[in-house]
Structure formats: C-alpha cells, structure tokens
Amino acid sequence: MKDYVRIDIRSDLDQAGWRELLKAALPDFAWRGGDSDAQGPYLTGRRPDGVHIQCWMGEAPAAMAVSFRGAKLSQAAMSSLITTLEQRILPQAGEVLRVDAGERP
C-alpha cells in the first residue's frame, strides 16, 4: 500500500458539511479549515500518530489525500482506515470515483 493515498469523490457538501461529517466520523483527528487561492476551500486533519488527511472542496470532483508518511501504523491499520473512509464515511458525502492506494493487505 502507498504511504500517500488519493481519493476522488463527487460531492455537493460545502466546507461546513465536510467538517461535520469528518469530525463526527474521525473524532481522533484535529480538524481545521481554510481557503486556498489555487484549490478553494479545504479541510485538514491530523491524528497524534502522524496520519494526515486533506480534503479540497473547490475541485470537481472533490479531492482527498491521506498521508501515512511518518505515521506509526502497520500496513493493515493503514488499509483499514482507507477502507473505513471509502465504505463508511465518504458515501455519506457523495459518490467515490477513485481510490489510488496501491496494493492493499
């Protein structure tokens, strides 16, 4: 599995909707938002073990990146988080179009 996973999703949620969804589903992440000149509104979350998630709502489709670089997780734990995102969390936001995670355990 890659240490940097990209997910594309077709979604009508705005930044507040994404924040509500991600904060409720992933409460162990510290979430903050902003607005990028190049990519529009975004959310970023960081977990104490080093996992970092970024979500850009200004793109069509919306783009999410999950970085495990420097995280202290097994391959199975990384794969489990991605599976949780793509099967339980992101379908609430819209249609998952692509998950680029490489080979998974």
PDB file of N, CA and C in Angstrom:
ATOM      1  N   MET A   1       0.831  -1.174   0.000  1.00  0.00           N
ATOM      2  CA  MET A   1       0.000   0.000   0.000  1.00  0.00           C
ATOM      3  C   MET A   1       0.876   1.237   0.000  1.00  0.00           C
ATOM      4  N   LYS A   2       0.431   2.249  -0.717  1.00  0.00           N
ATOM      5  CA  LYS A   2       1.178   3.509  -0.775  1.00  0.00           C
ATOM      6  C   LYS A   2       1.112   4.236   0.562  1.00  0.00           C
ATOM      7  N   ASP A   3       2.101   5.105   0.810  1.00  0.00           N
ATOM      8  CA  ASP A   3       2.048   5.906   2.034  1.00  0.00           C
ATOM      9  C   ASP A   3       1.321   7.232   1.798  1.00  0.00           C
ATOM     10  N   TYR A   4       0.828   7.435   0.559  1.00  0.00           N
ATOM     11  CA  TYR A   4       0.056   8.622   0.219  1.00  0.00           C
ATOM     12  C   TYR A   4      -1.095   8.160  -0.678  1.00  0.00           C
ATOM     13  N   VAL A   5      -2.313   8.295  -0.204  1.00  0.00           N
ATOM     14  CA  VAL A   5      -3.483   7.784  -0.905  1.00  0.00           C
ATOM     15  C   VAL A   5      -4.327   8.947  -1.390  1.00  0.00           C
ATOM     16  N   ARG A   6      -4.740   8.895  -2.648  1.00  0.00           N
ATOM     17  CA  ARG A   6      -5.604   9.939  -3.215  1.00  0.00           C
ATOM     18  C   ARG A   6      -6.983   9.349  -3.479  1.00  0.00           C
ATOM     19  N   ILE A   7      -8.011  10.113  -3.097  1.00  0.00           N
ATOM     20  CA  ILE A   7      -9.395   9.711  -3.294  1.00  0.00           C
ATOM     21  C   ILE A   7     -10.127  10.845  -3.996  1.00  0.00           C
ATOM     22  N   ASP A   8     -10.852  10.515  -5.058  1.00  0.00           N
ATOM     23  CA  ASP A   8     -11.700  11.492  -5.751  1.00  0.00           C
ATOM     24  C   ASP A   8     -13.150  11.150  -5.443  1.00  0.00           C
ATOM     25  N   ILE A   9     -13.953  12.178  -5.162  1.00  0.00           N
ATOM     26  CA  ILE A   9     -15.350  11.960  -4.799  1.00  0.00           C
ATOM     27  C   ILE A   9     -16.219  13.082  -5.355  1.00  0.00           C
ATOM     28  N   ARG A  10     -17.329  12.696  -5.941  1.00  0.00           N
ATOM     29  CA  ARG A  10     -18.302  13.673  -6.427  1.00  0.00           C
ATOM     30  C   ARG A  10     -19.213  14.012  -5.249  1.00  0.00           C
ATOM     31  N   SER A  11     -19.198  15.278  -4.830  1.00  0.00           N
ATOM     32  CA  SER A  11     -19.936  15.665  -3.628  1.00  0.00           C
ATOM     33  C   SER A  11     -20.497  17.068  -3.758  1.00  0.00           C
ATOM     34  N   ASP A  12     -21.662  17.270  -3.152  1.00  0.00           N
ATOM     35  CA  ASP A  12     -22.265  18.595  -3.092  1.00  0.00           C
ATOM     36  C   ASP A  12     -22.069  19.253  -1.727  1.00  0.00           C
ATOM     37  N   LEU A  13     -21.357  18.593  -0.826  1.00  0.00           N
ATOM     38  CA  LEU A  13     -21.141  19.164   0.503  1.00  0.00           C
ATOM     39  C   LEU A  13     -20.236  20.389   0.429  1.00  0.00           C
ATOM     40  N   ASP A  14     -20.549  21.382   1.251  1.00  0.00           N
ATOM     41  CA  ASP A  14     -19.663  22.532   1.394  1.00  0.00           C
ATOM     42  C   ASP A  14     -18.679  22.251   2.528  1.00  0.00           C
ATOM     43  N   GLN A  15     -17.844  23.215   2.839  1.00  0.00           N
ATOM     44  CA  GLN A  15     -16.818  23.011   3.854  1.00  0.00           C
ATOM     45  C   GLN A  15     -17.431  22.659   5.215  1.00  0.00           C
ATOM     46  N   ALA A  16     -18.521  23.309   5.579  1.00  0.00           N
ATOM     47  CA  ALA A  16     -19.171  23.023   6.865  1.00  0.00           C
ATOM     48  C   ALA A  16     -19.711  21.585   6.889  1.00  0.00           C
ATOM     49  N   GLY A  17     -20.285  21.142   5.781  1.00  0.00           N
ATOM     50  CA  GLY A  17     -20.790  19.775   5.699  1.00  0.00           C
ATOM     51  C   GLY A  17     -19.688  18.744   5.810  1.00  0.00           C
ATOM     52  N   TRP A  18     -18.583  18.996   5.114  1.00  0.00           N
ATOM     53  CA  TRP A  18     -17.436  18.091   5.202  1.00  0.00           C
ATOM     54  C   TRP A  18     -16.898  18.054   6.629  1.00  0.00           C
ATOM     55  N   ARG A  19     -16.767  19.234   7.242  1.00  0.00           N
ATOM     56  CA  ARG A  19     -16.230  19.303   8.611  1.00  0.00           C
ATOM     57  C   ARG A  19     -17.108  18.489   9.570  1.00  0.00           C
ATOM     58  N   GLU A  20     -18.417  18.665   9.469  1.00  0.00           N
ATOM     59  CA  GLU A  20     -19.344  17.940  10.332  1.00  0.00           C
ATOM     60  C   GLU A  20     -19.207  16.427  10.138  1.00  0.00           C
ATOM     61  N   LEU A  21     -19.163  15.993   8.888  1.00  0.00           N
ATOM     62  CA  LEU A  21     -19.047  14.571   8.581  1.00  0.00           C
ATOM     63  C   LEU A  21     -17.732  13.989   9.105  1.00  0.00           C
ATOM     64  N   LEU A  22     -16.621  14.638   8.769  1.00  0.00           N
ATOM     65  CA  LEU A  22     -15.316  14.104   9.154  1.00  0.00           C
ATOM     66  C   LEU A  22     -15.074  14.183  10.653  1.00  0.00           C
ATOM     67  N   LYS A  23     -15.496  15.278  11.278  1.00  0.00           N
ATOM     68  CA  LYS A  23     -15.300  15.425  12.722  1.00  0.00           C
ATOM     69  C   LYS A  23     -16.090  14.365  13.490  1.00  0.00           C
ATOM     70  N   ALA A  24     -17.310  14.074  13.048  1.00  0.00           N
ATOM     71  CA  ALA A  24     -18.127  13.051  13.715  1.00  0.00           C
ATOM     72  C   ALA A  24     -17.559  11.648  13.480  1.00  0.00           C
ATOM     73  N   ALA A  25     -17.096  11.386  12.273  1.00  0.00           N
ATOM     74  CA  ALA A  25     -16.621  10.043  11.919  1.00  0.00           C
ATOM     75  C   ALA A  25     -15.196   9.775  12.393  1.00  0.00           C
ATOM     76  N   LEU A  26     -14.388  10.818  12.466  1.00  0.00           N
ATOM     77  CA  LEU A  26     -12.977  10.662  12.837  1.00  0.00           C
ATOM     78  C   LEU A  26     -12.632  11.649  13.962  1.00  0.00           C
ATOM     79  N   PRO A  27     -13.191  11.441  15.160  1.00  0.00           N
ATOM     80  CA  PRO A  27     -13.004  12.413  16.248  1.00  0.00           C
ATOM     81  C   PRO A  27     -11.584  12.474  16.799  1.00  0.00           C
ATOM     82  N   ASP A  28     -10.755  11.481  16.483  1.00  0.00           N
ATOM     83  CA  ASP A  28      -9.383  11.491  16.979  1.00  0.00           C
ATOM     84  C   ASP A  28      -8.460  12.366  16.122  1.00  0.00           C
ATOM     85  N   PHE A  29      -8.987  12.979  15.075  1.00  0.00           N
ATOM     86  CA  PHE A  29      -8.233  13.926  14.255  1.00  0.00           C
ATOM     87  C   PHE A  29      -8.515  15.345  14.723  1.00  0.00           C
ATOM     88  N   ALA A  30      -7.507  16.203  14.696  1.00  0.00           N
ATOM     89  CA  ALA A  30      -7.682  17.633  14.954  1.00  0.00           C
ATOM     90  C   ALA A  30      -7.923  18.285  13.597  1.00  0.00           C
ATOM     91  N   TRP A  31      -9.132  18.847  13.391  1.00  0.00           N
ATOM     92  CA  TRP A  31      -9.529  19.391  12.090  1.00  0.00           C
ATOM     93  C   TRP A  31      -9.443  20.903  12.081  1.00  0.00           C
ATOM     94  N   ARG A  32      -8.998  21.451  10.957  1.00  0.00           N
ATOM     95  CA  ARG A  32      -9.043  22.900  10.730  1.00  0.00           C
ATOM     96  C   ARG A  32      -9.309  23.125   9.254  1.00  0.00           C
ATOM     97  N   GLY A  33      -9.832  24.284   8.926  1.00  0.00           N
ATOM     98  CA  GLY A  33     -10.160  24.591   7.540  1.00  0.00           C
ATOM     99  C   GLY A  33      -9.535  25.890   7.096  1.00  0.00           C
ATOM    100  N   GLY A  34      -9.621  26.123   5.808  1.00  0.00           N
ATOM    101  CA  GLY A  34      -9.086  27.344   5.239  1.00  0.00           C
ATOM    102  C   GLY A  34      -9.561  27.494   3.809  1.00  0.00           C
ATOM    103  N   ASP A  35      -8.963  28.450   3.113  1.00  0.00           N
ATOM    104  CA  ASP A  35      -9.314  28.708   1.721  1.00  0.00           C
ATOM    105  C   ASP A  35      -8.029  28.989   0.948  1.00  0.00           C
ATOM    106  N   SER A  36      -7.738  28.118  -0.004  1.00  0.00           N
ATOM    107  CA  SER A  36      -6.538  28.228  -0.815  1.00  0.00           C
ATOM    108  C   SER A  36      -6.837  29.024  -2.082  1.00  0.00           C
ATOM    109  N   ASP A  37      -5.920  29.889  -2.467  1.00  0.00           N
ATOM    110  CA  ASP A  37      -6.096  30.637  -3.715  1.00  0.00           C
ATOM    111  C   ASP A  37      -6.203  29.700  -4.910  1.00  0.00           C
ATOM    112  N   ALA A  38      -5.458  28.612  -4.894  1.00  0.00           N
ATOM    113  CA  ALA A  38      -5.416  27.708  -6.043  1.00  0.00           C
ATOM    114  C   ALA A  38      -6.512  26.641  -6.031  1.00  0.00           C
ATOM    115  N   GLN A  39      -6.861  26.127  -4.843  1.00  0.00           N
ATOM    116  CA  GLN A  39      -7.769  24.984  -4.780  1.00  0.00           C
ATOM    117  C   GLN A  39      -9.062  25.253  -4.018  1.00  0.00           C
ATOM    118  N   GLY A  40      -9.283  26.466  -3.581  1.00  0.00           N
ATOM    119  CA  GLY A  40     -10.517  26.804  -2.889  1.00  0.00           C
ATOM    120  C   GLY A  40     -10.549  26.298  -1.459  1.00  0.00           C
ATOM    121  N   PRO A  41     -11.762  26.106  -0.915  1.00  0.00           N
ATOM    122  CA  PRO A  41     -11.887  25.700   0.487  1.00  0.00           C
ATOM    123  C   PRO A  41     -11.318  24.304   0.721  1.00  0.00           C
ATOM    124  N   TYR A  42     -10.736  24.133   1.913  1.00  0.00           N
ATOM    125  CA  TYR A  42     -10.150  22.845   2.253  1.00  0.00           C
ATOM    126  C   TYR A  42     -10.308  22.571   3.746  1.00  0.00           C
ATOM    127  N   LEU A  43     -10.154  21.320   4.096  1.00  0.00           N
ATOM    128  CA  LEU A  43     -10.048  20.882   5.488  1.00  0.00           C
ATOM    129  C   LEU A  43      -8.787  20.047   5.607  1.00  0.00           C
ATOM    130  N   THR A  44      -8.160  20.135   6.746  1.00  0.00           N
ATOM    131  CA  THR A  44      -7.012  19.300   7.011  1.00  0.00           C
ATOM    132  C   THR A  44      -7.140  18.759   8.427  1.00  0.00           C
ATOM    133  N   GLY A  45      -6.800  17.493   8.588  1.00  0.00           N
ATOM    134  CA  GLY A  45      -6.878  16.861   9.900  1.00  0.00           C
ATOM    135  C   GLY A  45      -5.626  16.072  10.178  1.00  0.00           C
ATOM    136  N   ARG A  46      -5.218  16.104  11.427  1.00  0.00           N
ATOM    137  CA  ARG A  46      -4.016  15.378  11.833  1.00  0.00           C
ATOM    138  C   ARG A  46      -4.324  14.583  13.099  1.00  0.00           C
ATOM    139  N   ARG A  47      -3.839  13.352  13.101  1.00  0.00           N
ATOM    140  CA  ARG A  47      -4.023  12.473  14.247  1.00  0.00           C
ATOM    141  C   ARG A  47      -2.698  12.375  14.996  1.00  0.00           C
ATOM    142  N   PRO A  48      -2.711  12.152  16.308  1.00  0.00           N
ATOM    143  CA  PRO A  48      -1.459  12.102  17.075  1.00  0.00           C
ATOM    144  C   PRO A  48      -0.431  11.094  16.567  1.00  0.00           C
ATOM    145  N   ASP A  49      -0.878  10.024  15.901  1.00  0.00           N
ATOM    146  CA  ASP A  49       0.078   9.023  15.403  1.00  0.00           C
ATOM    147  C   ASP A  49       0.739   9.424  14.093  1.00  0.00           C
ATOM    148  N   GLY A  50       0.395  10.611  13.574  1.00  0.00           N
ATOM    149  CA  GLY A  50       1.048  11.124  12.372  1.00  0.00           C
ATOM    150  C   GLY A  50       0.262  11.021  11.092  1.00  0.00           C
ATOM    151  N   VAL A  51      -0.936  10.421  11.106  1.00  0.00           N
ATOM    152  CA  VAL A  51      -1.766  10.348   9.905  1.00  0.00           C
ATOM    153  C   VAL A  51      -2.324  11.731   9.622  1.00  0.00           C
ATOM    154  N   HIS A  52      -2.273  12.138   8.350  1.00  0.00           N
ATOM    155  CA  HIS A  52      -2.711  13.470   7.936  1.00  0.00           C
ATOM    156  C   HIS A  52      -3.694  13.324   6.778  1.00  0.00           C
ATOM    157  N   ILE A  53      -4.859  13.977   6.889  1.00  0.00           N
ATOM    158  CA  ILE A  53      -5.873  13.947   5.833  1.00  0.00           C
ATOM    159  C   ILE A  53      -6.129  15.365   5.365  1.00  0.00           C
ATOM    160  N   GLN A  54      -6.155  15.557   4.045  1.00  0.00           N
ATOM    161  CA  GLN A  54      -6.521  16.837   3.455  1.00  0.00           C
ATOM    162  C   GLN A  54      -7.674  16.613   2.495  1.00  0.00           C
ATOM    163  N   CYS A  55      -8.602  17.550   2.478  1.00  0.00           N
ATOM    164  CA  CYS A  55      -9.754  17.463   1.593  1.00  0.00           C
ATOM    165  C   CYS A  55      -9.970  18.826   0.953  1.00  0.00           C
ATOM    166  N   TRP A  56     -10.024  18.840  -0.394  1.00  0.00           N
ATOM    167  CA  TRP A  56     -10.227  20.084  -1.138  1.00  0.00           C
ATOM    168  C   TRP A  56     -11.604  20.062  -1.769  1.00  0.00           C
ATOM    169  N   MET A  57     -12.480  20.970  -1.338  1.00  0.00           N
ATOM    170  CA  MET A  57     -13.848  21.020  -1.850  1.00  0.00           C
ATOM    171  C   MET A  57     -13.984  21.909  -3.077  1.00  0.00           C
ATOM    172  N   GLY A  58     -12.988  22.699  -3.401  1.00  0.00           N
ATOM    173  CA  GLY A  58     -13.067  23.624  -4.524  1.00  0.00           C
ATOM    174  C   GLY A  58     -12.815  22.968  -5.867  1.00  0.00           C
ATOM    175  N   GLU A  59     -12.441  21.701  -5.844  1.00  0.00           N
ATOM    176  CA  GLU A  59     -12.184  20.965  -7.079  1.00  0.00           C
ATOM    177  C   GLU A  59     -13.402  20.138  -7.452  1.00  0.00           C
ATOM    178  N   ALA A  60     -13.523  19.810  -8.721  1.00  0.00           N
ATOM    179  CA  ALA A  60     -14.603  18.922  -9.169  1.00  0.00           C
ATOM    180  C   ALA A  60     -13.956  17.791  -9.958  1.00  0.00           C
ATOM    181  N   PRO A  61     -13.925  16.579  -9.465  1.00  0.00           N
ATOM    182  CA  PRO A  61     -14.518  16.159  -8.202  1.00  0.00           C
ATOM    183  C   PRO A  61     -13.694  16.638  -7.011  1.00  0.00           C
ATOM    184  N   ALA A  62     -14.308  16.572  -5.817  1.00  0.00           N
ATOM    185  CA  ALA A  62     -13.564  16.896  -4.598  1.00  0.00           C
ATOM    186  C   ALA A  62     -12.410  15.907  -4.476  1.00  0.00           C
ATOM    187  N   ALA A  63     -11.321  16.356  -3.894  1.00  0.00           N
ATOM    188  CA  ALA A  63     -10.140  15.505  -3.760  1.00  0.00           C
ATOM    189  C   ALA A  63      -9.767  15.366  -2.296  1.00  0.00           C
ATOM    190  N   MET A  64      -9.393  14.167  -1.933  1.00  0.00           N
ATOM    191  CA  MET A  64      -8.935  13.896  -0.577  1.00  0.00           C
ATOM    192  C   MET A  64      -7.597  13.187  -0.681  1.00  0.00           C
ATOM    193  N   ALA A  65      -6.697  13.529   0.219  1.00  0.00           N
ATOM    194  CA  ALA A  65      -5.408  12.855   0.290  1.00  0.00           C
ATOM    195  C   ALA A  65      -5.190  12.410   1.726  1.00  0.00           C
ATOM    196  N   VAL A  66      -4.731  11.190   1.883  1.00  0.00           N
ATOM    197  CA  VAL A  66      -4.407  10.643   3.194  1.00  0.00           C
ATOM    198  C   VAL A  66      -2.923  10.313   3.172  1.00  0.00           C
ATOM    199  N   SER A  67      -2.176  10.946   4.061  1.00  0.00           N
ATOM    200  CA  SER A  67      -0.740  10.714   4.110  1.00  0.00           C
ATOM    201  C   SER A  67      -0.384   9.911   5.355  1.00  0.00           C
ATOM    202  N   PHE A  68       0.339   8.814   5.124  1.00  0.00           N
ATOM    203  CA  PHE A  68       0.833   7.989   6.215  1.00  0.00           C
ATOM    204  C   PHE A  68       2.332   8.184   6.403  1.00  0.00           C
ATOM    205  N   ARG A  69       2.921   9.135   5.697  1.00  0.00           N
ATOM    206  CA  ARG A  69       4.358   9.377   5.799  1.00  0.00           C
ATOM    207  C   ARG A  69       4.693   9.789   7.228  1.00  0.00           C
ATOM    208  N   GLY A  70       5.546   9.039   7.855  1.00  0.00           N
ATOM    209  CA  GLY A  70       5.943   9.317   9.229  1.00  0.00           C
ATOM    210  C   GLY A  70       4.988   8.768  10.267  1.00  0.00           C
ATOM    211  N   ALA A  71       3.868   8.190   9.856  1.00  0.00           N
ATOM    212  CA  ALA A  71       2.904   7.629  10.806  1.00  0.00           C
ATOM    213  C   ALA A  71       3.414   6.302  11.351  1.00  0.00           C
ATOM    214  N   LYS A  72       3.052   6.016  12.556  1.00  0.00           N
ATOM    215  CA  LYS A  72       3.463   4.781  13.221  1.00  0.00           C
ATOM    216  C   LYS A  72       2.322   3.765  13.139  1.00  0.00           C
ATOM    217  N   LEU A  73       2.068   3.238  11.926  1.00  0.00           N
ATOM    218  CA  LEU A  73       0.982   2.291  11.709  1.00  0.00           C
ATOM    219  C   LEU A  73       1.449   1.110  10.876  1.00  0.00           C
ATOM    220  N   SER A  74       0.810  -0.013  11.094  1.00  0.00           N
ATOM    221  CA  SER A  74       1.072  -1.185  10.255  1.00  0.00           C
ATOM    222  C   SER A  74       0.352  -0.998   8.917  1.00  0.00           C
ATOM    223  N   GLN A  75       0.728  -1.797   7.934  1.00  0.00           N
ATOM    224  CA  GLN A  75       0.042  -1.767   6.639  1.00  0.00           C
ATOM    225  C   GLN A  75      -1.436  -2.095   6.803  1.00  0.00           C
ATOM    226  N   ALA A  76      -1.742  -3.046   7.680  1.00  0.00           N
ATOM    227  CA  ALA A  76      -3.140  -3.425   7.905  1.00  0.00           C
ATOM    228  C   ALA A  76      -3.939  -2.277   8.509  1.00  0.00           C
ATOM    229  N   ALA A  77      -3.354  -1.520   9.430  1.00  0.00           N
ATOM    230  CA  ALA A  77      -4.043  -0.381  10.039  1.00  0.00           C
ATOM    231  C   ALA A  77      -4.268   0.732   9.015  1.00  0.00           C
ATOM    232  N   MET A  78      -3.289   0.954   8.144  1.00  0.00           N
ATOM    233  CA  MET A  78      -3.458   1.962   7.089  1.00  0.00           C
ATOM    234  C   MET A  78      -4.591   1.546   6.156  1.00  0.00           C
ATOM    235  N   SER A  79      -4.578   0.300   5.738  1.00  0.00           N
ATOM    236  CA  SER A  79      -5.607  -0.204   4.847  1.00  0.00           C
ATOM    237  C   SER A  79      -6.983  -0.122   5.492  1.00  0.00           C
ATOM    238  N   SER A  80      -7.066  -0.392   6.776  1.00  0.00           N
ATOM    239  CA  SER A  80      -8.332  -0.338   7.496  1.00  0.00           C
ATOM    240  C   SER A  80      -8.908   1.082   7.497  1.00  0.00           C
ATOM    241  N   LEU A  81      -8.061   2.087   7.699  1.00  0.00           N
ATOM    242  CA  LEU A  81      -8.530   3.476   7.675  1.00  0.00           C
ATOM    243  C   LEU A  81      -9.062   3.840   6.291  1.00  0.00           C
ATOM    244  N   ILE A  82      -8.362   3.455   5.232  1.00  0.00           N
ATOM    245  CA  ILE A  82      -8.810   3.756   3.877  1.00  0.00           C
ATOM    246  C   ILE A  82     -10.132   3.045   3.582  1.00  0.00           C
ATOM    247  N   THR A  83     -10.243   1.789   3.998  1.00  0.00           N
ATOM    248  CA  THR A  83     -11.493   1.052   3.798  1.00  0.00           C
ATOM    249  C   THR A  83     -12.642   1.732   4.538  1.00  0.00           C
ATOM    250  N   THR A  84     -12.400   2.172   5.761  1.00  0.00           N
ATOM    251  CA  THR A  84     -13.422   2.890   6.527  1.00  0.00           C
ATOM    252  C   THR A  84     -13.842   4.154   5.801  1.00  0.00           C
ATOM    253  N   LEU A  85     -12.888   4.911   5.284  1.00  0.00           N
ATOM    254  CA  LEU A  85     -13.210   6.131   4.535  1.00  0.00           C
ATOM    255  C   LEU A  85     -14.057   5.812   3.310  1.00  0.00           C
ATOM    256  N   GLU A  86     -13.599   4.881   2.486  1.00  0.00           N
ATOM    257  CA  GLU A  86     -14.275   4.640   1.209  1.00  0.00           C
ATOM    258  C   GLU A  86     -15.599   3.900   1.341  1.00  0.00           C
ATOM    259  N   GLN A  87     -15.790   3.132   2.401  1.00  0.00           N
ATOM    260  CA  GLN A  87     -17.020   2.339   2.514  1.00  0.00           C
ATOM    261  C   GLN A  87     -18.027   2.908   3.508  1.00  0.00           C
ATOM    262  N   ARG A  88     -17.564   3.565   4.576  1.00  0.00           N
ATOM    263  CA  ARG A  88     -18.493   4.005   5.612  1.00  0.00           C
ATOM    264  C   ARG A  88     -18.648   5.506   5.718  1.00  0.00           C
ATOM    265  N   ILE A  89     -17.617   6.276   5.399  1.00  0.00           N
ATOM    266  CA  ILE A  89     -17.668   7.720   5.616  1.00  0.00           C
ATOM    267  C   ILE A  89     -17.971   8.478   4.327  1.00  0.00           C
ATOM    268  N   LEU A  90     -17.167   8.269   3.304  1.00  0.00           N
ATOM    269  CA  LEU A  90     -17.306   9.053   2.073  1.00  0.00           C
ATOM    270  C   LEU A  90     -18.607   8.835   1.315  1.00  0.00           C
ATOM    271  N   PRO A  91     -19.211   7.647   1.318  1.00  0.00           N
ATOM    272  CA  PRO A  91     -20.507   7.517   0.647  1.00  0.00           C
ATOM    273  C   PRO A  91     -21.582   8.460   1.218  1.00  0.00           C
ATOM    274  N   GLN A  92     -21.406   8.903   2.464  1.00  0.00           N
ATOM    275  CA  GLN A  92     -22.329   9.878   3.046  1.00  0.00           C
ATOM    276  C   GLN A  92     -22.135  11.266   2.429  1.00  0.00           C
ATOM    277  N   ALA A  93     -20.967  11.494   1.831  1.00  0.00           N
ATOM    278  CA  ALA A  93     -20.662  12.785   1.230  1.00  0.00           C
ATOM    279  C   ALA A  93     -20.997  12.823  -0.252  1.00  0.00           C
ATOM    280  N   GLY A  94     -21.034  11.670  -0.890  1.00  0.00           N
ATOM    281  CA  GLY A  94     -21.274  11.630  -2.328  1.00  0.00           C
ATOM    282  C   GLY A  94     -20.819  10.309  -2.920  1.00  0.00           C
ATOM    283  N   GLU A  95     -20.421  10.358  -4.178  1.00  0.00           N
ATOM    284  CA  GLU A  95     -20.018   9.148  -4.902  1.00  0.00           C
ATOM    285  C   GLU A  95     -18.498   9.057  -4.990  1.00  0.00           C
ATOM    286  N   VAL A  96     -17.935   7.996  -4.425  1.00  0.00           N
ATOM    287  CA  VAL A  96     -16.493   7.770  -4.501  1.00  0.00           C
ATOM    288  C   VAL A  96     -16.168   7.358  -5.934  1.00  0.00           C
ATOM    289  N   LEU A  97     -15.327   8.131  -6.615  1.00  0.00           N
ATOM    290  CA  LEU A  97     -14.995   7.881  -8.004  1.00  0.00           C
ATOM    291  C   LEU A  97     -13.704   7.097  -8.179  1.00  0.00           C
ATOM    292  N   ARG A  98     -12.741   7.344  -7.293  1.00  0.00           N
ATOM    293  CA  ARG A  98     -11.437   6.696  -7.459  1.00  0.00           C
ATOM    294  C   ARG A  98     -10.715   6.657  -6.119  1.00  0.00           C
ATOM    295  N   VAL A  99     -10.066   5.543  -5.849  1.00  0.00           N
ATOM    296  CA  VAL A  99      -9.181   5.409  -4.688  1.00  0.00           C
ATOM    297  C   VAL A  99      -7.857   4.897  -5.227  1.00  0.00           C
ATOM    298  N   ASP A 100      -6.828   5.707  -5.124  1.00  0.00           N
ATOM    299  CA  ASP A 100      -5.495   5.333  -5.589  1.00  0.00           C
ATOM    300  C   ASP A 100      -4.649   5.027  -4.355  1.00  0.00           C
ATOM    301  N   ALA A 101      -4.673   3.753  -3.937  1.00  0.00           N
ATOM    302  CA  ALA A 101      -3.983   3.346  -2.717  1.00  0.00           C
ATOM    303  C   ALA A 101      -2.901   2.308  -2.965  1.00  0.00           C
ATOM    304  N   GLY A 102      -2.766   1.861  -4.200  1.00  0.00           N
ATOM    305  CA  GLY A 102      -1.816   0.796  -4.468  1.00  0.00           C
ATOM    306  C   GLY A 102      -2.359  -0.534  -3.959  1.00  0.00           C
ATOM    307  N   GLU A 103      -1.492  -1.512  -3.872  1.00  0.00           N
ATOM    308  CA  GLU A 103      -1.889  -2.835  -3.375  1.00  0.00           C
ATOM    309  C   GLU A 103      -2.117  -2.776  -1.886  1.00  0.00           C
ATOM    310  N   ARG A 104      -3.187  -3.428  -1.444  1.00  0.00           N
ATOM    311  CA  ARG A 104      -3.527  -3.394  -0.025  1.00  0.00           C
ATOM    312  C   ARG A 104      -3.522  -4.796   0.557  1.00  0.00           C
ATOM    313  N   PRO A 105      -3.137  -4.875   1.858  1.00  0.00           N
ATOM    314  CA  PRO A 105      -3.092  -6.195   2.505  1.00  0.00           C
ATOM    315  C   PRO A 105      -4.492  -6.762   2.687  1.00  0.00           C
TER     316      PRO A 105
END
